[in-house]
Amino acid sequence: MLCITAVYPNDPGSRFDADYYRVSHTERAQALLAPHGLQAIRTTIGTASLDGSPPPYWAVSELHFTSRAAFDAAIAASGDALFADIPNYTDVTPILQVSKLPAA
């Protein structure tokens, strides 16, 4: 199983609409990517650092795909639409990481 992690840094002065992201963007991602092998989306919204200061990240999302080929097909088919939606909820550039989930 492949995991694509999207991390949204809480840069000074940046904005992030968590409600839009959780509802509109995540639903759009689910609808567009599921036909191409998306198995699950898991999102956390930052609330604070351990010391109570602002969170270092606005949000962290994991997108679980059956394989790298499935992810590549999903992005080829729907990536433009998903990336075009980013300005609707943030002005930061997400950091993306590809990981392999260990077998259960």
C-alpha atoms as a PDB file:
ATOM      1  CA  MET A   1       0.000   0.000   0.000  1.00  0.00           C
ATOM      2  CA  LEU A   2       1.238   3.459  -0.910  1.00  0.00           C
ATOM      3  CA  CYS A   3       0.773   6.546   1.275  1.00  0.00           C
ATOM      4  CA  ILE A   4       0.990  10.057  -0.108  1.00  0.00           C
ATOM      5  CA  THR A   5       1.371  12.536   2.744  1.00  0.00           C
ATOM      6  CA  ALA A   6       0.508  16.205   2.206  1.00  0.00           C
ATOM      7  CA  VAL A   7       1.833  18.545   4.897  1.00  0.00           C
ATOM      8  CA  TYR A   8       0.730  22.186   5.004  1.00  0.00           C
ATOM      9  CA  PRO A   9       3.307  24.306   6.881  1.00  0.00           C
ATOM     10  CA  ASN A  10       1.948  27.019   9.163  1.00  0.00           C
ATOM     11  CA  ASP A  11       4.217  29.712   7.745  1.00  0.00           C
ATOM     12  CA  PRO A  12       4.073  33.148   9.424  1.00  0.00           C
ATOM     13  CA  GLY A  13       1.255  35.183   7.892  1.00  0.00           C
ATOM     14  CA  SER A  14      -0.169  32.243   5.951  1.00  0.00           C
ATOM     15  CA  ARG A  15      -3.838  31.294   5.845  1.00  0.00           C
ATOM     16  CA  PHE A  16      -5.626  27.955   5.885  1.00  0.00           C
ATOM     17  CA  ASP A  17      -9.402  27.413   5.794  1.00  0.00           C
ATOM     18  CA  ALA A  18      -9.705  24.123   7.689  1.00  0.00           C
ATOM     19  CA  ASP A  19     -13.478  23.865   7.197  1.00  0.00           C
ATOM     20  CA  TYR A  20     -13.173  24.203   3.416  1.00  0.00           C
ATOM     21  CA  TYR A  21     -10.296  21.743   3.382  1.00  0.00           C
ATOM     22  CA  ARG A  22     -12.051  19.114   5.527  1.00  0.00           C
ATOM     23  CA  VAL A  23     -15.362  19.303   3.688  1.00  0.00           C
ATOM     24  CA  SER A  24     -15.037  20.604   0.136  1.00  0.00           C
ATOM     25  CA  HIS A  25     -11.472  19.708  -0.830  1.00  0.00           C
ATOM     26  CA  THR A  26     -11.412  16.308   0.847  1.00  0.00           C
ATOM     27  CA  GLU A  27     -14.774  15.339  -0.666  1.00  0.00           C
ATOM     28  CA  ARG A  28     -13.552  16.468  -4.095  1.00  0.00           C
ATOM     29  CA  ALA A  29     -10.347  14.455  -3.691  1.00  0.00           C
ATOM     30  CA  GLN A  30     -12.295  11.370  -2.632  1.00  0.00           C
ATOM     31  CA  ALA A  31     -14.666  11.617  -5.600  1.00  0.00           C
ATOM     32  CA  LEU A  32     -11.906  12.222  -8.147  1.00  0.00           C
ATOM     33  CA  LEU A  33      -9.305   9.765  -6.869  1.00  0.00           C
ATOM     34  CA  ALA A  34     -11.368   6.792  -5.650  1.00  0.00           C
ATOM     35  CA  PRO A  35     -12.003   5.473  -9.178  1.00  0.00           C
ATOM     36  CA  HIS A  36      -8.214   5.270  -9.593  1.00  0.00           C
ATOM     37  CA  GLY A  37      -7.329   3.270  -6.483  1.00  0.00           C
ATOM     38  CA  LEU A  38      -7.640   5.688  -3.570  1.00  0.00           C
ATOM     39  CA  GLN A  39      -8.457   3.560  -0.533  1.00  0.00           C
ATOM     40  CA  ALA A  40      -8.678   6.162   2.225  1.00  0.00           C
ATOM     41  CA  ILE A  41      -7.963   9.745   3.222  1.00  0.00           C
ATOM     42  CA  ARG A  42      -6.971  10.565   6.778  1.00  0.00           C
ATOM     43  CA  THR A  43      -6.589  14.199   7.804  1.00  0.00           C
ATOM     44  CA  THR A  44      -5.511  15.910  10.990  1.00  0.00           C
ATOM     45  CA  ILE A  45      -5.896  19.649  11.544  1.00  0.00           C
ATOM     46  CA  GLY A  46      -3.209  21.265  13.680  1.00  0.00           C
ATOM     47  CA  THR A  47      -4.394  22.998  16.837  1.00  0.00           C
ATOM     48  CA  ALA A  48      -1.182  23.646  18.794  1.00  0.00           C
ATOM     49  CA  SER A  49       2.382  22.555  19.448  1.00  0.00           C
ATOM     50  CA  LEU A  50       3.034  20.635  22.665  1.00  0.00           C
ATOM     51  CA  ASP A  51       4.032  23.853  24.401  1.00  0.00           C
ATOM     52  CA  GLY A  52       0.759  25.535  23.405  1.00  0.00           C
ATOM     53  CA  SER A  53       2.247  27.710  20.678  1.00  0.00           C
ATOM     54  CA  PRO A  54       0.683  27.679  17.196  1.00  0.00           C
ATOM     55  CA  PRO A  55       0.957  24.358  15.363  1.00  0.00           C
ATOM     56  CA  PRO A  56       3.911  23.931  12.993  1.00  0.00           C
ATOM     57  CA  TYR A  57       1.506  22.552  10.371  1.00  0.00           C
ATOM     58  CA  TRP A  58      -1.985  23.645   9.447  1.00  0.00           C
ATOM     59  CA  ALA A  59      -2.889  20.119   8.384  1.00  0.00           C
ATOM     60  CA  VAL A  60      -1.462  16.730   7.542  1.00  0.00           C
ATOM     61  CA  SER A  61      -3.309  14.416   5.175  1.00  0.00           C
ATOM     62  CA  GLU A  62      -2.563  10.855   4.196  1.00  0.00           C
ATOM     63  CA  LEU A  63      -3.914   9.453   0.952  1.00  0.00           C
ATOM     64  CA  HIS A  64      -3.709   5.671   0.769  1.00  0.00           C
ATOM     65  CA  PHE A  65      -3.510   4.086  -2.678  1.00  0.00           C
ATOM     66  CA  THR A  66      -3.300   0.494  -3.795  1.00  0.00           C
ATOM     67  CA  SER A  67      -0.034   1.173  -5.660  1.00  0.00           C
ATOM     68  CA  ARG A  68       2.228   3.823  -7.159  1.00  0.00           C
ATOM     69  CA  ALA A  69       0.743   3.061 -10.567  1.00  0.00           C
ATOM     70  CA  ALA A  70      -2.741   3.771  -9.182  1.00  0.00           C
ATOM     71  CA  PHE A  71      -1.570   7.072  -7.698  1.00  0.00           C
ATOM     72  CA  ASP A  72       0.123   8.086 -10.959  1.00  0.00           C
ATOM     73  CA  ALA A  73      -3.081   7.303 -12.898  1.00  0.00           C
ATOM     74  CA  ALA A  74      -5.173   9.275 -10.401  1.00  0.00           C
ATOM     75  CA  ILE A  75      -2.931  12.333 -10.642  1.00  0.00           C
ATOM     76  CA  ALA A  76      -2.814  12.123 -14.435  1.00  0.00           C
ATOM     77  CA  ALA A  77      -6.618  12.095 -14.520  1.00  0.00           C
ATOM     78  CA  SER A  78      -7.427  14.534 -11.713  1.00  0.00           C
ATOM     79  CA  GLY A  79      -4.313  16.278 -10.452  1.00  0.00           C
ATOM     80  CA  ASP A  80      -4.950  19.530 -12.306  1.00  0.00           C
ATOM     81  CA  ALA A  81      -8.409  19.879 -10.732  1.00  0.00           C
ATOM     82  CA  LEU A  82      -7.105  19.143  -7.237  1.00  0.00           C
ATOM     83  CA  PHE A  83      -4.123  21.474  -7.451  1.00  0.00           C
ATOM     84  CA  ALA A  84      -6.329  24.239  -8.908  1.00  0.00           C
ATOM     85  CA  ASP A  85      -8.449  24.056  -5.732  1.00  0.00           C
ATOM     86  CA  ILE A  86      -5.526  24.853  -3.397  1.00  0.00           C
ATOM     87  CA  PRO A  87      -5.974  28.678  -3.502  1.00  0.00           C
ATOM     88  CA  ASN A  88      -9.530  28.178  -2.211  1.00  0.00           C
ATOM     89  CA  TYR A  89      -8.227  27.049   1.177  1.00  0.00           C
ATOM     90  CA  THR A  90      -4.593  28.124   1.574  1.00  0.00           C
ATOM     91  CA  ASP A  91      -1.750  30.242   0.303  1.00  0.00           C
ATOM     92  CA  VAL A  92       0.986  27.769   1.311  1.00  0.00           C
ATOM     93  CA  THR A  93       2.471  25.116  -0.926  1.00  0.00           C
ATOM     94  CA  PRO A  94       1.946  21.629   0.462  1.00  0.00           C
ATOM     95  CA  ILE A  95       4.949  19.387   0.959  1.00  0.00           C
ATOM     96  CA  LEU A  96       4.289  15.953  -0.532  1.00  0.00           C
ATOM     97  CA  GLN A  97       5.954  12.710   0.500  1.00  0.00           C
ATOM     98  CA  VAL A  98       5.629   9.210  -0.917  1.00  0.00           C
ATOM     99  CA  SER A  99       5.776   6.409   1.654  1.00  0.00           C
ATOM    100  CA  LYS A 100       5.152   2.727   1.749  1.00  0.00           C
ATOM    101  CA  LEU A 101       2.734   1.415   4.376  1.00  0.00           C
ATOM    102  CA  PRO A 102       3.914  -1.793   5.993  1.00  0.00           C
ATOM    103  CA  ALA A 103       1.709  -4.837   5.499  1.00  0.00           C
ATOM    104  CA  ALA A 104      -0.736  -5.367   8.339  1.00  0.00           C
END
